[in-house]
Amino acid sequence: MPGSPYLKEPPPGLITWPKLLLLVTPALLTFSAVALWQNLLKEWLALLTIVLLLTFLLRR
């Protein structure tokens, strides 16, 4: 389709959602499992919330 924003191949270095999920999911699951195992789940969730809020506010 002429003028379509979709490319046949993504540009090199572009992080798409599938790539991002493959990078982030194992780390989050590992940290969450360790926090659950060490009874630190509330602290882990609080830290994760603060980091995500700061990221949101700084990127606006």
Protein backbone atom coordinates (compact mmCIF):
# COMPACT_ATOMS: atom_id res chain seq x y z
CA MET A 1 0.00 0.00 0.00
CA PRO A 2 1.60 3.31 -1.01
CA GLY A 3 2.37 5.65 1.85
CA SER A 4 1.89 2.93 4.48
CA PRO A 5 3.82 3.53 7.73
CA TYR A 6 4.50 -0.21 8.03
CA LEU A 7 7.92 -1.37 6.91
CA LYS A 8 8.82 -4.79 5.59
CA GLU A 9 11.62 -4.94 8.15
CA PRO A 10 12.06 -2.78 11.24
CA PRO A 11 15.10 -0.47 11.16
CA PRO A 12 18.22 -1.84 12.89
CA GLY A 13 18.37 -1.01 16.59
CA LEU A 14 14.63 -0.45 16.91
CA ILE A 15 13.22 -2.17 19.99
CA THR A 16 9.72 -3.42 19.25
CA TRP A 17 7.25 -4.72 21.83
CA PRO A 18 8.07 -8.40 21.24
CA LYS A 19 11.80 -7.72 21.68
CA LEU A 20 11.18 -5.57 24.76
CA LEU A 21 9.03 -8.24 26.37
CA LEU A 22 11.68 -10.88 25.71
CA LEU A 23 14.23 -8.68 27.51
CA VAL A 24 12.12 -7.52 30.46
CA THR A 25 9.89 -10.49 31.31
CA PRO A 26 12.58 -12.93 32.54
CA ALA A 27 14.16 -10.31 34.79
CA LEU A 28 10.83 -9.23 36.30
CA LEU A 29 9.77 -12.83 36.89
CA THR A 30 13.12 -13.66 38.50
CA PHE A 31 13.09 -10.63 40.81
CA SER A 32 9.46 -11.31 41.72
CA ALA A 33 10.17 -14.96 42.52
CA VAL A 34 13.14 -14.03 44.72
CA ALA A 35 11.07 -11.33 46.47
CA LEU A 36 8.30 -13.84 47.11
CA TRP A 37 10.79 -16.42 48.37
CA GLN A 38 12.40 -13.90 50.75
CA ASN A 39 9.03 -12.47 51.88
CA LEU A 40 9.84 -9.09 50.32
CA LEU A 41 6.98 -8.95 47.86
CA LYS A 42 5.47 -5.72 49.23
CA GLU A 43 8.83 -3.97 49.13
CA TRP A 44 9.50 -5.23 45.59
CA LEU A 45 6.10 -4.03 44.38
CA ALA A 46 6.62 -0.64 46.06
CA LEU A 47 10.06 -0.26 44.45
CA LEU A 48 8.70 -1.29 41.06
CA THR A 49 5.84 1.20 41.37
CA ILE A 50 8.19 4.05 42.33
CA VAL A 51 10.58 3.28 39.46
CA LEU A 52 7.74 3.10 36.92
CA LEU A 53 6.22 6.35 38.21
CA LEU A 54 9.58 8.13 38.02
CA THR A 55 10.10 6.81 34.50
CA PHE A 56 6.66 8.05 33.51
CA LEU A 57 7.21 11.50 35.01
CA LEU A 58 10.68 11.97 33.58
CA ARG A 59 9.70 10.92 30.06
CA ARG A 60 6.72 13.28 29.80
